[in-house]
Amino acid sequence: KRHNYVRKVAETAVSLFIANDKPNVTGLILAGSADFKSELSGSDMFDPRLQTKVLKLVDVSYGGENGFNQAIELSQECLANVKFIQEKKLIGKYFDEISQDTGKVLFRSRRHNEGTRYGSCRNSDCLGKP
């Protein structure tokens, strides 16, 4: 039974993460509450092209969305360049500036547009004197 499940997950991983005969991801994090992630990553059934993309194995306490969020939290060092983590840090910096009342936050879209046009800020990273 377990062997069939490993095979099914390995096949699903190929269908999701291999395109045009090569991986379409830069990295994979395998997460779960038992040894299945280790069994999968070490299995001959797990595609070698994906085995090279495994960044980390993570033990999580929850399933579903809570487990997914816990896996992200426990893998932040591996995910440092992922846009989600970068945006989370940017939003944190934004709220820090607001809470410290530094005067470095632009609220008006006109000023934001002017800031990006004249190079005083990039995209949504627009922290500067109004």
N, C-alpha and C. Protein backbone atom coordinates (compact mmCIF):
# COMPACT_ATOMS: atom_id res chain seq x y z
N LYS A 1 0.83 -1.20 0.00
CA LYS A 1 0.00 0.00 0.00
C LYS A 1 0.87 1.26 0.00
N ARG A 2 1.84 1.30 0.89
CA ARG A 2 2.73 2.47 1.00
C ARG A 2 3.50 2.67 -0.31
N HIS A 3 3.99 1.56 -0.88
CA HIS A 3 4.73 1.60 -2.13
C HIS A 3 3.89 2.26 -3.24
N ASN A 4 2.63 1.90 -3.32
CA ASN A 4 1.74 2.47 -4.33
C ASN A 4 1.54 3.97 -4.12
N TYR A 5 1.46 4.38 -2.86
CA TYR A 5 1.28 5.80 -2.55
C TYR A 5 2.54 6.60 -2.93
N VAL A 6 3.71 6.06 -2.63
CA VAL A 6 4.97 6.71 -3.02
C VAL A 6 5.00 6.86 -4.54
N ARG A 7 4.65 5.81 -5.25
CA ARG A 7 4.64 5.85 -6.72
C ARG A 7 3.67 6.91 -7.23
N LYS A 8 2.48 6.96 -6.67
CA LYS A 8 1.46 7.93 -7.10
C LYS A 8 1.93 9.36 -6.85
N VAL A 9 2.51 9.62 -5.68
CA VAL A 9 3.00 10.97 -5.37
C VAL A 9 4.17 11.33 -6.29
N ALA A 10 5.06 10.39 -6.54
CA ALA A 10 6.20 10.64 -7.44
C ALA A 10 5.71 10.96 -8.85
N GLU A 11 4.72 10.23 -9.33
CA GLU A 11 4.16 10.49 -10.66
C GLU A 11 3.47 11.86 -10.71
N THR A 12 2.75 12.19 -9.66
CA THR A 12 2.08 13.50 -9.60
C THR A 12 3.10 14.62 -9.57
N ALA A 13 4.20 14.43 -8.85
CA ALA A 13 5.26 15.45 -8.81
C ALA A 13 5.83 15.69 -10.20
N VAL A 14 6.03 14.62 -10.97
CA VAL A 14 6.53 14.77 -12.34
C VAL A 14 5.53 15.54 -13.18
N SER A 15 4.25 15.21 -13.05
CA SER A 15 3.25 15.89 -13.87
C SER A 15 3.13 17.38 -13.51
N LEU A 16 3.42 17.72 -12.26
CA LEU A 16 3.31 19.11 -11.84
C LEU A 16 4.60 19.91 -12.04
N PHE A 17 5.75 19.28 -11.84
CA PHE A 17 7.01 20.02 -11.76
C PHE A 17 8.01 19.74 -12.87
N ILE A 18 7.63 18.92 -13.86
CA ILE A 18 8.48 18.69 -15.02
C ILE A 18 7.71 19.13 -16.26
N ALA A 19 8.33 20.02 -17.03
CA ALA A 19 7.73 20.49 -18.28
C ALA A 19 8.83 20.54 -19.34
N ASN A 20 8.51 20.12 -20.53
CA ASN A 20 9.50 20.08 -21.62
C ASN A 20 10.75 19.32 -21.20
N ASP A 21 10.53 18.23 -20.49
CA ASP A 21 11.60 17.33 -20.06
C ASP A 21 12.61 17.94 -19.09
N LYS A 22 12.21 19.02 -18.41
CA LYS A 22 13.10 19.60 -17.39
C LYS A 22 12.25 20.20 -16.27
N PRO A 23 12.82 20.34 -15.07
CA PRO A 23 12.05 20.90 -13.95
C PRO A 23 11.61 22.34 -14.23
N ASN A 24 10.39 22.66 -13.84
CA ASN A 24 9.88 24.02 -14.01
C ASN A 24 9.87 24.77 -12.68
N VAL A 25 10.66 24.28 -11.72
CA VAL A 25 10.81 24.91 -10.41
C VAL A 25 12.29 25.05 -10.09
N THR A 26 12.61 26.03 -9.26
CA THR A 26 14.00 26.19 -8.86
C THR A 26 14.31 25.39 -7.61
N GLY A 27 13.28 25.02 -6.86
CA GLY A 27 13.51 24.24 -5.66
C GLY A 27 12.22 23.65 -5.13
N LEU A 28 12.36 22.58 -4.37
CA LEU A 28 11.22 21.92 -3.73
C LEU A 28 11.50 21.78 -2.24
N ILE A 29 10.48 21.97 -1.45
CA ILE A 29 10.54 21.71 -0.02
C ILE A 29 9.51 20.64 0.26
N LEU A 30 9.96 19.52 0.79
CA LEU A 30 9.05 18.43 1.12
C LEU A 30 8.72 18.53 2.60
N ALA A 31 7.43 18.60 2.90
CA ALA A 31 7.00 18.79 4.28
C ALA A 31 5.94 17.76 4.65
N GLY A 32 5.94 17.38 5.91
CA GLY A 32 4.95 16.45 6.41
C GLY A 32 5.22 16.13 7.87
N SER A 33 4.30 15.35 8.47
CA SER A 33 4.44 15.06 9.90
C SER A 33 5.06 13.70 10.17
N ALA A 34 5.28 12.90 9.14
CA ALA A 34 5.86 11.57 9.34
C ALA A 34 7.07 11.39 8.42
N ASP A 35 7.50 10.14 8.25
CA ASP A 35 8.69 9.85 7.47
C ASP A 35 8.44 9.80 5.96
N PHE A 36 7.22 10.06 5.52
CA PHE A 36 6.92 9.92 4.10
C PHE A 36 7.80 10.81 3.23
N LYS A 37 8.05 12.03 3.67
CA LYS A 37 8.87 12.96 2.86
C LYS A 37 10.27 12.40 2.65
N SER A 38 10.85 11.76 3.68
CA SER A 38 12.17 11.15 3.56
C SER A 38 12.12 9.93 2.65
N GLU A 39 11.06 9.15 2.81
CA GLU A 39 10.89 7.96 1.97
C GLU A 39 10.75 8.36 0.51
N LEU A 40 9.96 9.40 0.25
CA LEU A 40 9.76 9.86 -1.12
C LEU A 40 11.05 10.38 -1.72
N SER A 41 11.75 11.25 -1.01
CA SER A 41 12.95 11.86 -1.56
C SER A 41 14.06 10.85 -1.81
N GLY A 42 14.08 9.76 -1.04
CA GLY A 42 15.10 8.74 -1.23
C GLY A 42 14.69 7.60 -2.14
N SER A 43 13.48 7.65 -2.63
CA SER A 43 12.96 6.56 -3.45
C SER A 43 13.48 6.62 -4.88
N ASP A 44 13.68 5.43 -5.47
CA ASP A 44 14.05 5.35 -6.89
C ASP A 44 12.91 5.82 -7.78
N MET A 45 11.70 5.84 -7.24
CA MET A 45 10.55 6.27 -8.04
C MET A 45 10.46 7.78 -8.17
N PHE A 46 11.13 8.51 -7.27
CA PHE A 46 11.12 9.98 -7.31
C PHE A 46 12.10 10.42 -8.38
N ASP A 47 11.62 11.14 -9.36
CA ASP A 47 12.41 11.52 -10.52
C ASP A 47 13.73 12.19 -10.12
N PRO A 48 14.86 11.72 -10.65
CA PRO A 48 16.16 12.30 -10.28
C PRO A 48 16.27 13.79 -10.62
N ARG A 49 15.54 14.24 -11.63
CA ARG A 49 15.54 15.68 -11.98
C ARG A 49 14.92 16.49 -10.85
N LEU A 50 13.97 15.89 -10.14
CA LEU A 50 13.35 16.58 -9.00
C LEU A 50 14.14 16.37 -7.72
N GLN A 51 14.81 15.22 -7.59
CA GLN A 51 15.63 14.98 -6.41
C GLN A 51 16.70 16.06 -6.27
N THR A 52 17.24 16.51 -7.38
CA THR A 52 18.28 17.55 -7.32
C THR A 52 17.71 18.91 -6.92
N LYS A 53 16.39 19.06 -6.99
CA LYS A 53 15.74 20.33 -6.66
C LYS A 53 15.26 20.40 -5.22
N VAL A 54 15.36 19.30 -4.46
CA VAL A 54 14.90 19.29 -3.07
C VAL A 54 15.85 20.14 -2.23
N LEU A 55 15.30 21.21 -1.65
CA LEU A 55 16.09 22.13 -0.84
C LEU A 55 16.10 21.74 0.64
N LYS A 56 14.96 21.20 1.08
CA LYS A 56 14.83 20.93 2.51
C LYS A 56 13.69 19.96 2.77
N LEU A 57 13.85 19.16 3.81
CA LEU A 57 12.76 18.32 4.33
C LEU A 57 12.32 18.95 5.64
N VAL A 58 11.03 19.18 5.79
CA VAL A 58 10.51 19.91 6.94
C VAL A 58 9.46 19.08 7.68
N ASP A 59 9.63 18.95 9.00
CA ASP A 59 8.63 18.31 9.84
C ASP A 59 7.61 19.37 10.27
N VAL A 60 6.34 19.11 9.96
CA VAL A 60 5.28 20.04 10.36
C VAL A 60 4.30 19.31 11.27
N SER A 61 3.61 20.09 12.09
CA SER A 61 2.67 19.52 13.06
C SER A 61 1.24 19.48 12.55
N TYR A 62 0.97 20.16 11.46
CA TYR A 62 -0.41 20.31 10.98
C TYR A 62 -0.52 19.83 9.54
N GLY A 63 -1.75 19.61 9.12
CA GLY A 63 -2.04 19.31 7.73
C GLY A 63 -2.71 20.51 7.09
N GLY A 64 -3.01 20.40 5.82
CA GLY A 64 -3.74 21.44 5.11
C GLY A 64 -3.03 22.78 5.08
N GLU A 65 -3.82 23.85 5.11
CA GLU A 65 -3.28 25.21 5.00
C GLU A 65 -2.37 25.57 6.17
N ASN A 66 -2.73 25.12 7.38
CA ASN A 66 -1.88 25.41 8.54
C ASN A 66 -0.51 24.75 8.40
N GLY A 67 -0.48 23.52 7.90
CA GLY A 67 0.78 22.84 7.67
C GLY A 67 1.59 23.51 6.58
N PHE A 68 0.90 23.97 5.53
CA PHE A 68 1.57 24.69 4.45
C PHE A 68 2.22 25.96 4.98
N ASN A 69 1.48 26.71 5.78
CA ASN A 69 2.02 27.95 6.36
C ASN A 69 3.18 27.66 7.31
N GLN A 70 3.08 26.58 8.09
CA GLN A 70 4.17 26.21 8.99
C GLN A 70 5.41 25.81 8.18
N ALA A 71 5.23 25.10 7.09
CA ALA A 71 6.37 24.71 6.24
C ALA A 71 7.06 25.95 5.67
N ILE A 72 6.29 26.95 5.27
CA ILE A 72 6.86 28.20 4.77
C ILE A 72 7.67 28.88 5.86
N GLU A 73 7.11 28.96 7.05
CA GLU A 73 7.82 29.60 8.17
C GLU A 73 9.13 28.88 8.49
N LEU A 74 9.09 27.56 8.50
CA LEU A 74 10.28 26.78 8.84
C LEU A 74 11.32 26.74 7.71
N SER A 75 10.95 27.23 6.54
CA SER A 75 11.85 27.18 5.39
C SER A 75 12.26 28.57 4.91
N GLN A 76 12.09 29.57 5.72
CA GLN A 76 12.34 30.94 5.27
C GLN A 76 13.75 31.14 4.75
N GLU A 77 14.74 30.52 5.36
CA GLU A 77 16.10 30.72 4.86
C GLU A 77 16.26 30.17 3.45
N CYS A 78 15.53 29.11 3.12
CA CYS A 78 15.58 28.55 1.76
C CYS A 78 14.77 29.39 0.78
N LEU A 79 13.79 30.09 1.31
CA LEU A 79 12.87 30.83 0.46
C LEU A 79 13.18 32.33 0.41
N ALA A 80 14.36 32.72 0.82
CA ALA A 80 14.69 34.15 0.95
C ALA A 80 14.46 34.92 -0.34
N ASN A 81 14.65 34.30 -1.47
CA ASN A 81 14.50 35.02 -2.74
C ASN A 81 13.13 34.85 -3.38
N VAL A 82 12.25 34.13 -2.70
CA VAL A 82 10.92 33.94 -3.26
C VAL A 82 10.11 35.22 -3.05
N LYS A 83 9.39 35.60 -4.05
CA LYS A 83 8.66 36.86 -4.03
C LYS A 83 7.74 37.01 -2.82
N PHE A 84 7.07 35.96 -2.43
CA PHE A 84 6.15 36.02 -1.29
C PHE A 84 6.88 36.48 -0.03
N ILE A 85 8.03 35.90 0.23
CA ILE A 85 8.79 36.25 1.43
C ILE A 85 9.31 37.68 1.31
N GLN A 86 9.76 38.06 0.11
CA GLN A 86 10.24 39.42 -0.09
C GLN A 86 9.12 40.43 0.16
N GLU A 87 7.92 40.13 -0.35
CA GLU A 87 6.79 41.03 -0.14
C GLU A 87 6.39 41.09 1.33
N LYS A 88 6.44 39.95 2.01
CA LYS A 88 6.11 39.92 3.44
C LYS A 88 7.07 40.81 4.23
N LYS A 89 8.36 40.74 3.90
CA LYS A 89 9.35 41.59 4.58
C LYS A 89 9.12 43.06 4.24
N LEU A 90 8.78 43.37 2.99
CA LEU A 90 8.53 44.74 2.58
C LEU A 90 7.33 45.32 3.32
N ILE A 91 6.27 44.53 3.43
CA ILE A 91 5.09 45.00 4.15
C ILE A 91 5.42 45.20 5.63
N GLY A 92 6.22 44.32 6.20
CA GLY A 92 6.67 44.49 7.58
C GLY A 92 7.44 45.78 7.76
N LYS A 93 8.33 46.08 6.81
CA LYS A 93 9.12 47.32 6.87
C LYS A 93 8.19 48.53 6.76
N TYR A 94 7.20 48.44 5.89
CA TYR A 94 6.22 49.51 5.70
C TYR A 94 5.49 49.80 7.01
N PHE A 95 5.00 48.74 7.68
CA PHE A 95 4.28 48.94 8.93
C PHE A 95 5.20 49.41 10.05
N ASP A 96 6.46 49.00 10.03
CA ASP A 96 7.42 49.52 11.02
C ASP A 96 7.57 51.03 10.86
N GLU A 97 7.68 51.48 9.62
CA GLU A 97 7.82 52.92 9.37
C GLU A 97 6.58 53.67 9.84
N ILE A 98 5.40 53.11 9.58
CA ILE A 98 4.16 53.75 10.02
C ILE A 98 4.12 53.81 11.55
N SER A 99 4.42 52.70 12.21
CA SER A 99 4.32 52.66 13.68
C SER A 99 5.34 53.57 14.35
N GLN A 100 6.49 53.78 13.72
CA GLN A 100 7.52 54.65 14.30
C GLN A 100 7.32 56.11 13.90
N ASP A 101 6.33 56.36 13.04
CA ASP A 101 6.00 57.71 12.59
C ASP A 101 7.25 58.48 12.11
N THR A 102 8.00 57.82 11.21
CA THR A 102 9.25 58.42 10.71
C THR A 102 9.02 59.44 9.61
N GLY A 103 7.82 59.46 9.06
CA GLY A 103 7.54 60.37 7.95
C GLY A 103 8.10 59.86 6.63
N LYS A 104 8.45 58.60 6.57
CA LYS A 104 9.05 58.02 5.36
C LYS A 104 8.07 57.23 4.52
N VAL A 105 6.78 57.41 4.74
CA VAL A 105 5.80 56.63 4.00
C VAL A 105 4.95 57.56 3.15
N LEU A 106 4.81 57.22 1.88
CA LEU A 106 3.97 58.01 0.97
C LEU A 106 2.63 57.30 0.83
N PHE A 107 1.57 58.05 1.08
CA PHE A 107 0.24 57.47 1.00
C PHE A 107 -0.48 57.80 -0.29
N ARG A 108 -0.13 58.90 -0.92
CA ARG A 108 -0.86 59.34 -2.11
C ARG A 108 -0.29 58.68 -3.36
N SER A 109 -1.18 58.19 -4.22
CA SER A 109 -0.71 57.50 -5.42
C SER A 109 0.00 58.46 -6.37
N ARG A 110 -0.39 59.75 -6.40
CA ARG A 110 0.28 60.71 -7.27
C ARG A 110 1.75 60.83 -6.90
N ARG A 111 2.02 60.95 -5.61
CA ARG A 111 3.41 61.05 -5.16
C ARG A 111 4.17 59.75 -5.41
N HIS A 112 3.49 58.65 -5.21
CA HIS A 112 4.13 57.36 -5.48
C HIS A 112 4.51 57.29 -6.95
N ASN A 113 3.59 57.69 -7.83
CA ASN A 113 3.89 57.67 -9.26
C ASN A 113 5.04 58.61 -9.59
N GLU A 114 5.06 59.79 -8.98
CA GLU A 114 6.17 60.72 -9.21
C GLU A 114 7.47 60.13 -8.68
N GLY A 115 7.42 59.50 -7.53
CA GLY A 115 8.62 58.89 -6.95
C GLY A 115 9.20 57.81 -7.83
N THR A 116 8.34 56.98 -8.40
CA THR A 116 8.85 55.93 -9.28
C THR A 116 9.34 56.52 -10.60
N ARG A 117 8.66 57.55 -11.08
CA ARG A 117 9.07 58.17 -12.35
C ARG A 117 10.43 58.84 -12.24
N TYR A 118 10.70 59.48 -11.11
CA TYR A 118 11.96 60.22 -10.96
C TYR A 118 13.04 59.41 -10.25
N GLY A 119 12.77 58.15 -9.99
CA GLY A 119 13.78 57.26 -9.45
C GLY A 119 14.03 57.34 -7.96
N SER A 120 13.18 58.04 -7.21
CA SER A 120 13.41 58.11 -5.77
C SER A 120 12.87 56.88 -5.05
N CYS A 121 12.07 56.05 -5.74
CA CYS A 121 11.65 54.78 -5.18
C CYS A 121 11.38 53.80 -6.31
N ARG A 122 11.40 52.52 -5.96
CA ARG A 122 11.18 51.46 -6.93
C ARG A 122 9.86 50.77 -6.62
N ASN A 123 9.04 50.58 -7.63
CA ASN A 123 7.79 49.85 -7.50
C ASN A 123 7.09 50.17 -6.20
N SER A 124 6.77 49.14 -5.39
CA SER A 124 6.05 49.40 -4.15
C SER A 124 7.01 49.70 -3.00
N ASP A 125 8.31 49.66 -3.23
CA ASP A 125 9.28 49.96 -2.19
C ASP A 125 9.52 51.47 -2.18
N CYS A 126 8.50 52.20 -1.81
CA CYS A 126 8.55 53.66 -1.88
C CYS A 126 8.50 54.24 -0.49
N LEU A 127 9.62 54.17 0.18
CA LEU A 127 9.72 54.73 1.52
C LEU A 127 10.66 55.93 1.45
N GLY A 128 10.15 57.07 1.73
CA GLY A 128 10.97 58.28 1.68
C GLY A 128 10.18 59.46 2.19
N LYS A 129 10.80 60.58 2.35
CA LYS A 129 10.12 61.78 2.83
C LYS A 129 9.06 62.20 1.83
N PRO A 130 7.84 62.52 2.28
CA PRO A 130 6.78 62.97 1.37
C PRO A 130 7.05 64.34 0.81
